Amino acid sequence: MQITVEIPDDIAQRLEPLKDKLPQILALGLQEITANPTTGFSGLTEVLEFFAKLPSPQEILALRPAPNLQTEIENLLDKNRTEGLNERDRRLWQHYEFVEHLVRIAKAQALLKLQQSA
């Protein structure tokens, strides 16, 4: 299917070097937009909203994946071990890895802050 979309020039310039990845960018964007924020940290949006509230170091260290997200991650791990991941699954896994990386950085900084204040 072909879709024509008008976008601002600044976004067009940023997308130009990534035009071959546009379907993936749109898929991840749609996934983020349709994520249900009431189900826990299912994506970057929820993590950023959590950090935007300026949580205490203790709250950051206590942050854990929602049970449904943990189940989804375990399902992807099982699928990778048994049958392998398809393209959509690989993109989803990369998305989760990125979010986990951000959370790990925040937790390391929170731990340093607690150690410095002790």
PDB file of N, CA and C in Angstrom:
ATOM      1  N   MET A   1       0.842  -1.161   0.000  1.00  0.00           N
ATOM      2  CA  MET A   1       0.000   0.000   0.000  1.00  0.00           C
ATOM      3  C   MET A   1       0.894   1.232   0.000  1.00  0.00           C
ATOM      4  N   GLN A   2       0.453   2.234  -0.699  1.00  0.00           N
ATOM      5  CA  GLN A   2       1.198   3.481  -0.745  1.00  0.00           C
ATOM      6  C   GLN A   2       0.377   4.563  -0.061  1.00  0.00           C
ATOM      7  N   ILE A   3       1.031   5.325   0.815  1.00  0.00           N
ATOM      8  CA  ILE A   3       0.388   6.413   1.532  1.00  0.00           C
ATOM      9  C   ILE A   3       1.230   7.659   1.348  1.00  0.00           C
ATOM     10  N   THR A   4       0.587   8.766   1.071  1.00  0.00           N
ATOM     11  CA  THR A   4       1.280  10.041   0.957  1.00  0.00           C
ATOM     12  C   THR A   4       0.944  10.876   2.180  1.00  0.00           C
ATOM     13  N   VAL A   5       1.986  11.402   2.811  1.00  0.00           N
ATOM     14  CA  VAL A   5       1.813  12.168   4.040  1.00  0.00           C
ATOM     15  C   VAL A   5       2.611  13.454   3.924  1.00  0.00           C
ATOM     16  N   GLU A   6       2.020  14.558   4.341  1.00  0.00           N
ATOM     17  CA  GLU A   6       2.742  15.826   4.388  1.00  0.00           C
ATOM     18  C   GLU A   6       3.271  16.009   5.798  1.00  0.00           C
ATOM     19  N   ILE A   7       4.578  16.265   5.901  1.00  0.00           N
ATOM     20  CA  ILE A   7       5.197  16.456   7.204  1.00  0.00           C
ATOM     21  C   ILE A   7       6.035  17.732   7.174  1.00  0.00           C
ATOM     22  N   PRO A   8       6.304  18.305   8.322  1.00  0.00           N
ATOM     23  CA  PRO A   8       7.137  19.508   8.369  1.00  0.00           C
ATOM     24  C   PRO A   8       8.532  19.239   7.808  1.00  0.00           C
ATOM     25  N   ASP A   9       9.147  20.273   7.262  1.00  0.00           N
ATOM     26  CA  ASP A   9      10.460  20.141   6.643  1.00  0.00           C
ATOM     27  C   ASP A   9      11.521  19.608   7.605  1.00  0.00           C
ATOM     28  N   ASP A  10      11.486  20.053   8.861  1.00  0.00           N
ATOM     29  CA  ASP A  10      12.510  19.603   9.801  1.00  0.00           C
ATOM     30  C   ASP A  10      12.424  18.100  10.049  1.00  0.00           C
ATOM     31  N   ILE A  11      11.207  17.564  10.103  1.00  0.00           N
ATOM     32  CA  ILE A  11      11.045  16.115  10.280  1.00  0.00           C
ATOM     33  C   ILE A  11      11.476  15.387   9.012  1.00  0.00           C
ATOM     34  N   ALA A  12      11.139  15.944   7.849  1.00  0.00           N
ATOM     35  CA  ALA A  12      11.538  15.334   6.581  1.00  0.00           C
ATOM     36  C   ALA A  12      13.058  15.236   6.481  1.00  0.00           C
ATOM     37  N   GLN A  13      13.749  16.260   6.919  1.00  0.00           N
ATOM     38  CA  GLN A  13      15.218  16.240   6.886  1.00  0.00           C
ATOM     39  C   GLN A  13      15.778  15.169   7.819  1.00  0.00           C
ATOM     40  N   ARG A  14      15.149  14.995   8.969  1.00  0.00           N
ATOM     41  CA  ARG A  14      15.614  13.973   9.903  1.00  0.00           C
ATOM     42  C   ARG A  14      15.317  12.571   9.385  1.00  0.00           C
ATOM     43  N   LEU A  15      14.224  12.413   8.632  1.00  0.00           N
ATOM     44  CA  LEU A  15      13.848  11.094   8.117  1.00  0.00           C
ATOM     45  C   LEU A  15      14.605  10.701   6.853  1.00  0.00           C
ATOM     46  N   GLU A  16      15.115  11.673   6.136  1.00  0.00           N
ATOM     47  CA  GLU A  16      15.773  11.386   4.848  1.00  0.00           C
ATOM     48  C   GLU A  16      16.830  10.283   4.950  1.00  0.00           C
ATOM     49  N   PRO A  17      17.766  10.353   5.902  1.00  0.00           N
ATOM     50  CA  PRO A  17      18.765   9.273   5.960  1.00  0.00           C
ATOM     51  C   PRO A  17      18.187   7.941   6.458  1.00  0.00           C
ATOM     52  N   LEU A  18      16.971   7.964   6.984  1.00  0.00           N
ATOM     53  CA  LEU A  18      16.353   6.756   7.529  1.00  0.00           C
ATOM     54  C   LEU A  18      15.192   6.258   6.674  1.00  0.00           C
ATOM     55  N   LYS A  19      15.062   6.748   5.454  1.00  0.00           N
ATOM     56  CA  LYS A  19      13.869   6.440   4.656  1.00  0.00           C
ATOM     57  C   LYS A  19      13.673   4.949   4.413  1.00  0.00           C
ATOM     58  N   ASP A  20      14.743   4.173   4.383  1.00  0.00           N
ATOM     59  CA  ASP A  20      14.580   2.728   4.208  1.00  0.00           C
ATOM     60  C   ASP A  20      14.051   2.057   5.474  1.00  0.00           C
ATOM     61  N   LYS A  21      14.110   2.751   6.610  1.00  0.00           N
ATOM     62  CA  LYS A  21      13.615   2.206   7.875  1.00  0.00           C
ATOM     63  C   LYS A  21      12.263   2.810   8.265  1.00  0.00           C
ATOM     64  N   LEU A  22      11.656   3.559   7.378  1.00  0.00           N
ATOM     65  CA  LEU A  22      10.396   4.222   7.696  1.00  0.00           C
ATOM     66  C   LEU A  22       9.295   3.255   8.131  1.00  0.00           C
ATOM     67  N   PRO A  23       9.125   2.091   7.485  1.00  0.00           N
ATOM     68  CA  PRO A  23       8.102   1.161   7.983  1.00  0.00           C
ATOM     69  C   PRO A  23       8.342   0.741   9.442  1.00  0.00           C
ATOM     70  N   GLN A  24       9.590   0.506   9.806  1.00  0.00           N
ATOM     71  CA  GLN A  24       9.916   0.124  11.181  1.00  0.00           C
ATOM     72  C   GLN A  24       9.646   1.286  12.134  1.00  0.00           C
ATOM     73  N   ILE A  25      10.007   2.493  11.744  1.00  0.00           N
ATOM     74  CA  ILE A  25       9.767   3.673  12.572  1.00  0.00           C
ATOM     75  C   ILE A  25       8.280   3.860  12.806  1.00  0.00           C
ATOM     76  N   LEU A  26       7.490   3.716  11.764  1.00  0.00           N
ATOM     77  CA  LEU A  26       6.042   3.854  11.905  1.00  0.00           C
ATOM     78  C   LEU A  26       5.458   2.750  12.781  1.00  0.00           C
ATOM     79  N   ALA A  27       5.950   1.524  12.614  1.00  0.00           N
ATOM     80  CA  ALA A  27       5.443   0.404  13.416  1.00  0.00           C
ATOM     81  C   ALA A  27       5.718   0.629  14.902  1.00  0.00           C
ATOM     82  N   LEU A  28       6.932   1.070  15.224  1.00  0.00           N
ATOM     83  CA  LEU A  28       7.261   1.330  16.632  1.00  0.00           C
ATOM     84  C   LEU A  28       6.454   2.503  17.172  1.00  0.00           C
ATOM     85  N   GLY A  29       6.269   3.528  16.351  1.00  0.00           N
ATOM     86  CA  GLY A  29       5.460   4.671  16.772  1.00  0.00           C
ATOM     87  C   GLY A  29       4.027   4.277  17.041  1.00  0.00           C
ATOM     88  N   LEU A  30       3.458   3.454  16.166  1.00  0.00           N
ATOM     89  CA  LEU A  30       2.095   2.978  16.384  1.00  0.00           C
ATOM     90  C   LEU A  30       1.999   2.137  17.643  1.00  0.00           C
ATOM     91  N   GLN A  31       3.001   1.328  17.869  1.00  0.00           N
ATOM     92  CA  GLN A  31       3.020   0.488  19.063  1.00  0.00           C
ATOM     93  C   GLN A  31       3.039   1.363  20.314  1.00  0.00           C
ATOM     94  N   GLU A  32       3.825   2.437  20.305  1.00  0.00           N
ATOM     95  CA  GLU A  32       3.890   3.337  21.453  1.00  0.00           C
ATOM     96  C   GLU A  32       2.572   4.060  21.667  1.00  0.00           C
ATOM     97  N   ILE A  33       1.972   4.521  20.575  1.00  0.00           N
ATOM     98  CA  ILE A  33       0.725   5.275  20.685  1.00  0.00           C
ATOM     99  C   ILE A  33      -0.403   4.404  21.206  1.00  0.00           C
ATOM    100  N   THR A  34      -0.410   3.147  20.799  1.00  0.00           N
ATOM    101  CA  THR A  34      -1.504   2.273  21.203  1.00  0.00           C
ATOM    102  C   THR A  34      -1.223   1.520  22.495  1.00  0.00           C
ATOM    103  N   ALA A  35      -0.052   1.748  23.100  1.00  0.00           N
ATOM    104  CA  ALA A  35       0.259   1.080  24.366  1.00  0.00           C
ATOM    105  C   ALA A  35      -0.733   1.534  25.422  1.00  0.00           C
ATOM    106  N   ASN A  36      -1.109   0.611  26.261  1.00  0.00           N
ATOM    107  CA  ASN A  36      -2.064   0.913  27.325  1.00  0.00           C
ATOM    108  C   ASN A  36      -1.290   1.301  28.577  1.00  0.00           C
ATOM    109  N   PRO A  37      -1.281   2.588  28.940  1.00  0.00           N
ATOM    110  CA  PRO A  37      -0.475   3.015  30.078  1.00  0.00           C
ATOM    111  C   PRO A  37      -0.939   2.441  31.409  1.00  0.00           C
ATOM    112  N   THR A  38      -2.131   1.881  31.480  1.00  0.00           N
ATOM    113  CA  THR A  38      -2.604   1.336  32.751  1.00  0.00           C
ATOM    114  C   THR A  38      -2.065  -0.058  33.015  1.00  0.00           C
ATOM    115  N   THR A  39      -1.364  -0.640  32.057  1.00  0.00           N
ATOM    116  CA  THR A  39      -0.865  -2.002  32.244  1.00  0.00           C
ATOM    117  C   THR A  39       0.570  -2.038  32.747  1.00  0.00           C
ATOM    118  N   GLY A  40       1.183  -0.905  33.027  1.00  0.00           N
ATOM    119  CA  GLY A  40       2.545  -0.906  33.545  1.00  0.00           C
ATOM    120  C   GLY A  40       3.511  -0.353  32.529  1.00  0.00           C
ATOM    121  N   PHE A  41       4.772  -0.613  32.710  1.00  0.00           N
ATOM    122  CA  PHE A  41       5.804  -0.054  31.855  1.00  0.00           C
ATOM    123  C   PHE A  41       5.947  -0.881  30.584  1.00  0.00           C
ATOM    124  N   SER A  42       5.034  -0.693  29.651  1.00  0.00           N
ATOM    125  CA  SER A  42       5.060  -1.474  28.428  1.00  0.00           C
ATOM    126  C   SER A  42       5.870  -0.809  27.335  1.00  0.00           C
ATOM    127  N   GLY A  43       6.386   0.379  27.594  1.00  0.00           N
ATOM    128  CA  GLY A  43       7.155   1.042  26.562  1.00  0.00           C
ATOM    129  C   GLY A  43       7.832   2.291  27.089  1.00  0.00           C
ATOM    130  N   LEU A  44       8.479   2.946  26.193  1.00  0.00           N
ATOM    131  CA  LEU A  44       9.267   4.122  26.533  1.00  0.00           C
ATOM    132  C   LEU A  44       8.409   5.232  27.116  1.00  0.00           C
ATOM    133  N   THR A  45       7.211   5.409  26.610  1.00  0.00           N
ATOM    134  CA  THR A  45       6.351   6.482  27.086  1.00  0.00           C
ATOM    135  C   THR A  45       6.129   6.387  28.587  1.00  0.00           C
ATOM    136  N   GLU A  46       5.807   5.213  29.069  1.00  0.00           N
ATOM    137  CA  GLU A  46       5.533   5.047  30.486  1.00  0.00           C
ATOM    138  C   GLU A  46       6.775   5.283  31.342  1.00  0.00           C
ATOM    139  N   VAL A  47       7.924   4.837  30.860  1.00  0.00           N
ATOM    140  CA  VAL A  47       9.162   5.046  31.605  1.00  0.00           C
ATOM    141  C   VAL A  47       9.485   6.533  31.665  1.00  0.00           C
ATOM    142  N   LEU A  48       9.329   7.220  30.556  1.00  0.00           N
ATOM    143  CA  LEU A  48       9.604   8.657  30.546  1.00  0.00           C
ATOM    144  C   LEU A  48       8.636   9.423  31.440  1.00  0.00           C
ATOM    145  N   GLU A  49       7.367   9.005  31.442  1.00  0.00           N
ATOM    146  CA  GLU A  49       6.399   9.645  32.329  1.00  0.00           C
ATOM    147  C   GLU A  49       6.781   9.411  33.797  1.00  0.00           C
ATOM    148  N   PHE A  50       7.255   8.228  34.127  1.00  0.00           N
ATOM    149  CA  PHE A  50       7.700   7.927  35.485  1.00  0.00           C
ATOM    150  C   PHE A  50       8.853   8.855  35.871  1.00  0.00           C
ATOM    151  N   PHE A  51       9.857   8.983  34.993  1.00  0.00           N
ATOM    152  CA  PHE A  51      11.009   9.820  35.291  1.00  0.00           C
ATOM    153  C   PHE A  51      10.649  11.307  35.298  1.00  0.00           C
ATOM    154  N   ALA A  52       9.665  11.698  34.514  1.00  0.00           N
ATOM    155  CA  ALA A  52       9.245  13.107  34.483  1.00  0.00           C
ATOM    156  C   ALA A  52       8.656  13.546  35.818  1.00  0.00           C
ATOM    157  N   LYS A  53       8.188  12.601  36.616  1.00  0.00           N
ATOM    158  CA  LYS A  53       7.646  12.920  37.946  1.00  0.00           C
ATOM    159  C   LYS A  53       8.761  13.142  38.967  1.00  0.00           C
ATOM    160  N   LEU A  54      10.008  13.041  38.528  1.00  0.00           N
ATOM    161  CA  LEU A  54      11.186  13.213  39.372  1.00  0.00           C
ATOM    162  C   LEU A  54      11.124  12.336  40.626  1.00  0.00           C
ATOM    163  N   PRO A  55      11.105  11.030  40.409  1.00  0.00           N
ATOM    164  CA  PRO A  55      11.019  10.111  41.548  1.00  0.00           C
ATOM    165  C   PRO A  55      12.277  10.172  42.409  1.00  0.00           C
ATOM    166  N   SER A  56      12.138   9.749  43.635  1.00  0.00           N
ATOM    167  CA  SER A  56      13.290   9.682  44.538  1.00  0.00           C
ATOM    168  C   SER A  56      14.207   8.547  44.091  1.00  0.00           C
ATOM    169  N   PRO A  57      15.463   8.565  44.545  1.00  0.00           N
ATOM    170  CA  PRO A  57      16.358   7.448  44.220  1.00  0.00           C
ATOM    171  C   PRO A  57      15.776   6.103  44.659  1.00  0.00           C
ATOM    172  N   GLN A  58      15.104   6.080  45.814  1.00  0.00           N
ATOM    173  CA  GLN A  58      14.513   4.838  46.302  1.00  0.00           C
ATOM    174  C   GLN A  58      13.415   4.349  45.345  1.00  0.00           C
ATOM    175  N   GLU A  59      12.599   5.273  44.835  1.00  0.00           N
ATOM    176  CA  GLU A  59      11.542   4.890  43.888  1.00  0.00           C
ATOM    177  C   GLU A  59      12.140   4.352  42.590  1.00  0.00           C
ATOM    178  N   ILE A  60      13.229   4.952  42.155  1.00  0.00           N
ATOM    179  CA  ILE A  60      13.883   4.481  40.926  1.00  0.00           C
ATOM    180  C   ILE A  60      14.435   3.077  41.133  1.00  0.00           C
ATOM    181  N   LEU A  61      15.086   2.863  42.271  1.00  0.00           N
ATOM    182  CA  LEU A  61      15.655   1.541  42.546  1.00  0.00           C
ATOM    183  C   LEU A  61      14.571   0.478  42.702  1.00  0.00           C
ATOM    184  N   ALA A  62      13.389   0.877  43.141  1.00  0.00           N
ATOM    185  CA  ALA A  62      12.288  -0.077  43.325  1.00  0.00           C
ATOM    186  C   ALA A  62      11.527  -0.362  42.035  1.00  0.00           C
ATOM    187  N   LEU A  63      11.813   0.369  40.978  1.00  0.00           N
ATOM    188  CA  LEU A  63      11.100   0.196  39.709  1.00  0.00           C
ATOM    189  C   LEU A  63      11.316  -1.209  39.146  1.00  0.00           C
ATOM    190  N   ARG A  64      10.233  -1.871  38.836  1.00  0.00           N
ATOM    191  CA  ARG A  64      10.261  -3.222  38.257  1.00  0.00           C
ATOM    192  C   ARG A  64       9.274  -3.279  37.104  1.00  0.00           C
ATOM    193  N   PRO A  65       9.473  -4.202  36.179  1.00  0.00           N
ATOM    194  CA  PRO A  65       8.499  -4.351  35.091  1.00  0.00           C
ATOM    195  C   PRO A  65       7.152  -4.823  35.628  1.00  0.00           C
ATOM    196  N   ALA A  66       6.095  -4.363  35.008  1.00  0.00           N
ATOM    197  CA  ALA A  66       4.760  -4.840  35.349  1.00  0.00           C
ATOM    198  C   ALA A  66       4.705  -6.340  35.052  1.00  0.00           C
ATOM    199  N   PRO A  67       3.877  -7.094  35.782  1.00  0.00           N
ATOM    200  CA  PRO A  67       3.803  -8.546  35.564  1.00  0.00           C
ATOM    201  C   PRO A  67       3.500  -8.925  34.108  1.00  0.00           C
ATOM    202  N   ASN A  68       2.597  -8.180  33.452  1.00  0.00           N
ATOM    203  CA  ASN A  68       2.282  -8.522  32.065  1.00  0.00           C
ATOM    204  C   ASN A  68       3.466  -8.249  31.138  1.00  0.00           C
ATOM    205  N   LEU A  69       4.253  -7.232  31.437  1.00  0.00           N
ATOM    206  CA  LEU A  69       5.445  -6.957  30.636  1.00  0.00           C
ATOM    207  C   LEU A  69       6.488  -8.047  30.871  1.00  0.00           C
ATOM    208  N   GLN A  70       6.667  -8.450  32.123  1.00  0.00           N
ATOM    209  CA  GLN A  70       7.613  -9.517  32.423  1.00  0.00           C
ATOM    210  C   GLN A  70       7.221 -10.798  31.689  1.00  0.00           C
ATOM    211  N   THR A  71       5.934 -11.100  31.645  1.00  0.00           N
ATOM    212  CA  THR A  71       5.449 -12.278  30.928  1.00  0.00           C
ATOM    213  C   THR A  71       5.743 -12.156  29.440  1.00  0.00           C
ATOM    214  N   GLU A  72       5.521 -10.979  28.881  1.00  0.00           N
ATOM    215  CA  GLU A  72       5.782 -10.764  27.455  1.00  0.00           C
ATOM    216  C   GLU A  72       7.270 -10.955  27.143  1.00  0.00           C
ATOM    217  N   ILE A  73       8.128 -10.446  27.994  1.00  0.00           N
ATOM    218  CA  ILE A  73       9.573 -10.603  27.799  1.00  0.00           C
ATOM    219  C   ILE A  73       9.965 -12.081  27.891  1.00  0.00           C
ATOM    220  N   GLU A  74       9.424 -12.780  28.880  1.00  0.00           N
ATOM    221  CA  GLU A  74       9.719 -14.208  29.015  1.00  0.00           C
ATOM    222  C   GLU A  74       9.224 -14.993  27.804  1.00  0.00           C
ATOM    223  N   ASN A  75       8.062 -14.618  27.268  1.00  0.00           N
ATOM    224  CA  ASN A  75       7.546 -15.279  26.060  1.00  0.00           C
ATOM    225  C   ASN A  75       8.476 -15.058  24.873  1.00  0.00           C
ATOM    226  N   LEU A  76       8.999 -13.834  24.736  1.00  0.00           N
ATOM    227  CA  LEU A  76       9.943 -13.564  23.645  1.00  0.00           C
ATOM    228  C   LEU A  76      11.222 -14.375  23.826  1.00  0.00           C
ATOM    229  N   LEU A  77      11.709 -14.472  25.055  1.00  0.00           N
ATOM    230  CA  LEU A  77      12.907 -15.277  25.311  1.00  0.00           C
ATOM    231  C   LEU A  77      12.671 -16.741  24.956  1.00  0.00           C
ATOM    232  N   ASP A  78      11.525 -17.280  25.368  1.00  0.00           N
ATOM    233  CA  ASP A  78      11.193 -18.670  25.039  1.00  0.00           C
ATOM    234  C   ASP A  78      11.083 -18.871  23.533  1.00  0.00           C
ATOM    235  N   LYS A  79      10.425 -17.946  22.883  1.00  0.00           N
ATOM    236  CA  LYS A  79      10.263 -18.051  21.432  1.00  0.00           C
ATOM    237  C   LYS A  79      11.622 -17.993  20.737  1.00  0.00           C
ATOM    238  N   ASN A  80      12.513 -17.145  21.229  1.00  0.00           N
ATOM    239  CA  ASN A  80      13.845 -17.048  20.641  1.00  0.00           C
ATOM    240  C   ASN A  80      14.607 -18.357  20.800  1.00  0.00           C
ATOM    241  N   ARG A  81      14.451 -19.012  21.945  1.00  0.00           N
ATOM    242  CA  ARG A  81      15.145 -20.286  22.185  1.00  0.00           C
ATOM    243  C   ARG A  81      14.570 -21.426  21.355  1.00  0.00           C
ATOM    244  N   THR A  82      13.264 -21.411  21.128  1.00  0.00           N
ATOM    245  CA  THR A  82      12.621 -22.548  20.477  1.00  0.00           C
ATOM    246  C   THR A  82      12.508 -22.402  18.965  1.00  0.00           C
ATOM    247  N   GLU A  83      11.933 -21.322  18.514  1.00  0.00           N
ATOM    248  CA  GLU A  83      11.681 -21.182  17.070  1.00  0.00           C
ATOM    249  C   GLU A  83      12.344 -19.985  16.423  1.00  0.00           C
ATOM    250  N   GLY A  84      12.869 -19.080  17.217  1.00  0.00           N
ATOM    251  CA  GLY A  84      13.484 -17.878  16.684  1.00  0.00           C
ATOM    252  C   GLY A  84      12.462 -16.749  16.575  1.00  0.00           C
ATOM    253  N   LEU A  85      12.983 -15.541  16.515  1.00  0.00           N
ATOM    254  CA  LEU A  85      12.126 -14.359  16.456  1.00  0.00           C
ATOM    255  C   LEU A  85      11.935 -13.901  15.024  1.00  0.00           C
ATOM    256  N   ASN A  86      10.720 -13.486  14.700  1.00  0.00           N
ATOM    257  CA  ASN A  86      10.486 -12.870  13.397  1.00  0.00           C
ATOM    258  C   ASN A  86      10.887 -11.396  13.471  1.00  0.00           C
ATOM    259  N   GLU A  87      10.760 -10.688  12.381  1.00  0.00           N
ATOM    260  CA  GLU A  87      11.203  -9.292  12.320  1.00  0.00           C
ATOM    261  C   GLU A  87      10.481  -8.422  13.346  1.00  0.00           C
ATOM    262  N   ARG A  88       9.177  -8.603  13.479  1.00  0.00           N
ATOM    263  CA  ARG A  88       8.413  -7.813  14.435  1.00  0.00           C
ATOM    264  C   ARG A  88       8.892  -8.093  15.861  1.00  0.00           C
ATOM    265  N   ASP A  89       9.123  -9.357  16.168  1.00  0.00           N
ATOM    266  CA  ASP A  89       9.602  -9.733  17.497  1.00  0.00           C
ATOM    267  C   ASP A  89      10.980  -9.147  17.777  1.00  0.00           C
ATOM    268  N   ARG A  90      11.849  -9.169  16.767  1.00  0.00           N
ATOM    269  CA  ARG A  90      13.189  -8.599  16.942  1.00  0.00           C
ATOM    270  C   ARG A  90      13.120  -7.111  17.219  1.00  0.00           C
ATOM    271  N   ARG A  91      12.249  -6.399  16.508  1.00  0.00           N
ATOM    272  CA  ARG A  91      12.078  -4.957  16.756  1.00  0.00           C
ATOM    273  C   ARG A  91      11.550  -4.716  18.156  1.00  0.00           C
ATOM    274  N   LEU A  92      10.591  -5.521  18.572  1.00  0.00           N
ATOM    275  CA  LEU A  92      10.035  -5.394  19.913  1.00  0.00           C
ATOM    276  C   LEU A  92      11.113  -5.652  20.968  1.00  0.00           C
ATOM    277  N   TRP A  93      11.925  -6.679  20.739  1.00  0.00           N
ATOM    278  CA  TRP A  93      13.004  -7.000  21.666  1.00  0.00           C
ATOM    279  C   TRP A  93      13.992  -5.840  21.755  1.00  0.00           C
ATOM    280  N   GLN A  94      14.348  -5.244  20.616  1.00  0.00           N
ATOM    281  CA  GLN A  94      15.261  -4.102  20.616  1.00  0.00           C
ATOM    282  C   GLN A  94      14.659  -2.927  21.378  1.00  0.00           C
ATOM    283  N   HIS A  95      13.370  -2.747  21.236  1.00  0.00           N
ATOM    284  CA  HIS A  95      12.664  -1.694  21.958  1.00  0.00           C
ATOM    285  C   HIS A  95      12.782  -1.927  23.461  1.00  0.00           C
ATOM    286  N   TYR A  96      12.529  -3.149  23.894  1.00  0.00           N
ATOM    287  CA  TYR A  96      12.628  -3.476  25.317  1.00  0.00           C
ATOM    288  C   TYR A  96      14.062  -3.313  25.823  1.00  0.00           C
ATOM    289  N   GLU A  97      15.039  -3.699  25.009  1.00  0.00           N
ATOM    290  CA  GLU A  97      16.430  -3.532  25.403  1.00  0.00           C
ATOM    291  C   GLU A  97      16.772  -2.065  25.623  1.00  0.00           C
ATOM    292  N   PHE A  98      16.264  -1.198  24.741  1.00  0.00           N
ATOM    293  CA  PHE A  98      16.527   0.234  24.862  1.00  0.00           C
ATOM    294  C   PHE A  98      15.925   0.784  26.151  1.00  0.00           C
ATOM    295  N   VAL A  99      14.680   0.420  26.426  1.00  0.00           N
ATOM    296  CA  VAL A  99      14.015   0.883  27.645  1.00  0.00           C
ATOM    297  C   VAL A  99      14.768   0.368  28.873  1.00  0.00           C
ATOM    298  N   GLU A 100      15.167  -0.892  28.849  1.00  0.00           N
ATOM    299  CA  GLU A 100      15.915  -1.459  29.969  1.00  0.00           C
ATOM    300  C   GLU A 100      17.231  -0.711  30.172  1.00  0.00           C
ATOM    301  N   HIS A 101      17.889  -0.354  29.077  1.00  0.00           N
ATOM    302  CA  HIS A 101      19.147   0.395  29.169  1.00  0.00           C
ATOM    303  C   HIS A 101      18.927   1.729  29.885  1.00  0.00           C
ATOM    304  N   LEU A 102      17.868   2.440  29.526  1.00  0.00           N
ATOM    305  CA  LEU A 102      17.561   3.714  30.182  1.00  0.00           C
ATOM    306  C   LEU A 102      17.305   3.521  31.675  1.00  0.00           C
ATOM    307  N   VAL A 103      16.566   2.487  32.005  1.00  0.00           N
ATOM    308  CA  VAL A 103      16.253   2.224  33.414  1.00  0.00           C
ATOM    309  C   VAL A 103      17.528   1.858  34.176  1.00  0.00           C
ATOM    310  N   ARG A 104      18.398   1.078  33.585  1.00  0.00           N
ATOM    311  CA  ARG A 104      19.658   0.710  34.261  1.00  0.00           C
ATOM    312  C   ARG A 104      20.518   1.938  34.536  1.00  0.00           C
ATOM    313  N   ILE A 105      20.591   2.850  33.578  1.00  0.00           N
ATOM    314  CA  ILE A 105      21.358   4.087  33.782  1.00  0.00           C
ATOM    315  C   ILE A 105      20.761   4.873  34.949  1.00  0.00           C
ATOM    316  N   ALA A 106      19.442   5.004  34.964  1.00  0.00           N
ATOM    317  CA  ALA A 106      18.774   5.739  36.043  1.00  0.00           C
ATOM    318  C   ALA A 106      19.024   5.068  37.393  1.00  0.00           C
ATOM    319  N   LYS A 107      18.976   3.743  37.427  1.00  0.00           N
ATOM    320  CA  LYS A 107      19.210   3.029  38.686  1.00  0.00           C
ATOM    321  C   LYS A 107      20.653   3.196  39.161  1.00  0.00           C
ATOM    322  N   ALA A 108      21.597   3.179  38.245  1.00  0.00           N
ATOM    323  CA  ALA A 108      23.001   3.386  38.621  1.00  0.00           C
ATOM    324  C   ALA A 108      23.188   4.787  39.204  1.00  0.00           C
ATOM    325  N   GLN A 109      22.573   5.786  38.569  1.00  0.00           N
ATOM    326  CA  GLN A 109      22.668   7.155  39.081  1.00  0.00           C
ATOM    327  C   GLN A 109      21.982   7.292  40.438  1.00  0.00           C
ATOM    328  N   ALA A 110      20.848   6.633  40.611  1.00  0.00           N
ATOM    329  CA  ALA A 110      20.123   6.686  41.885  1.00  0.00           C
ATOM    330  C   ALA A 110      20.964   6.058  42.993  1.00  0.00           C
ATOM    331  N   LEU A 111      21.609   4.951  42.699  1.00  0.00           N
ATOM    332  CA  LEU A 111      22.451   4.285  43.692  1.00  0.00           C
ATOM    333  C   LEU A 111      23.630   5.178  44.085  1.00  0.00           C
ATOM    334  N   LEU A 112      24.253   5.810  43.095  1.00  0.00           N
ATOM    335  CA  LEU A 112      25.355   6.736  43.387  1.00  0.00           C
ATOM    336  C   LEU A 112      24.881   7.883  44.270  1.00  0.00           C
ATOM    337  N   LYS A 113      23.715   8.406  43.976  1.00  0.00           N
ATOM    338  CA  LYS A 113      23.162   9.517  44.758  1.00  0.00           C
ATOM    339  C   LYS A 113      22.931   9.090  46.206  1.00  0.00           C
ATOM    340  N   LEU A 114      22.388   7.888  46.399  1.00  0.00           N
ATOM    341  CA  LEU A 114      22.165   7.390  47.752  1.00  0.00           C
ATOM    342  C   LEU A 114      23.488   7.177  48.493  1.00  0.00           C
ATOM    343  N   GLN A 115      24.488   6.656  47.807  1.00  0.00           N
ATOM    344  CA  GLN A 115      25.782   6.400  48.430  1.00  0.00           C
ATOM    345  C   GLN A 115      26.470   7.709  48.809  1.00  0.00           C
ATOM    346  N   GLN A 116      26.323   8.726  47.967  1.00  0.00           N
ATOM    347  CA  GLN A 116      26.948  10.017  48.247  1.00  0.00           C
ATOM    348  C   GLN A 116      26.284  10.743  49.407  1.00  0.00           C
ATOM    349  N   SER A 117      24.992  10.513  49.591  1.00  0.00           N
ATOM    350  CA  SER A 117      24.279  11.183  50.683  1.00  0.00           C
ATOM    351  C   SER A 117      24.408  10.445  52.007  1.00  0.00           C
ATOM    352  N   ALA A 118      24.964   9.222  51.974  1.00  0.00           N
ATOM    353  CA  ALA A 118      25.092   8.435  53.211  1.00  0.00           C
ATOM    354  C   ALA A 118      26.345   8.804  53.966  1.00  0.00           C
TER     355      ALA A 118
END
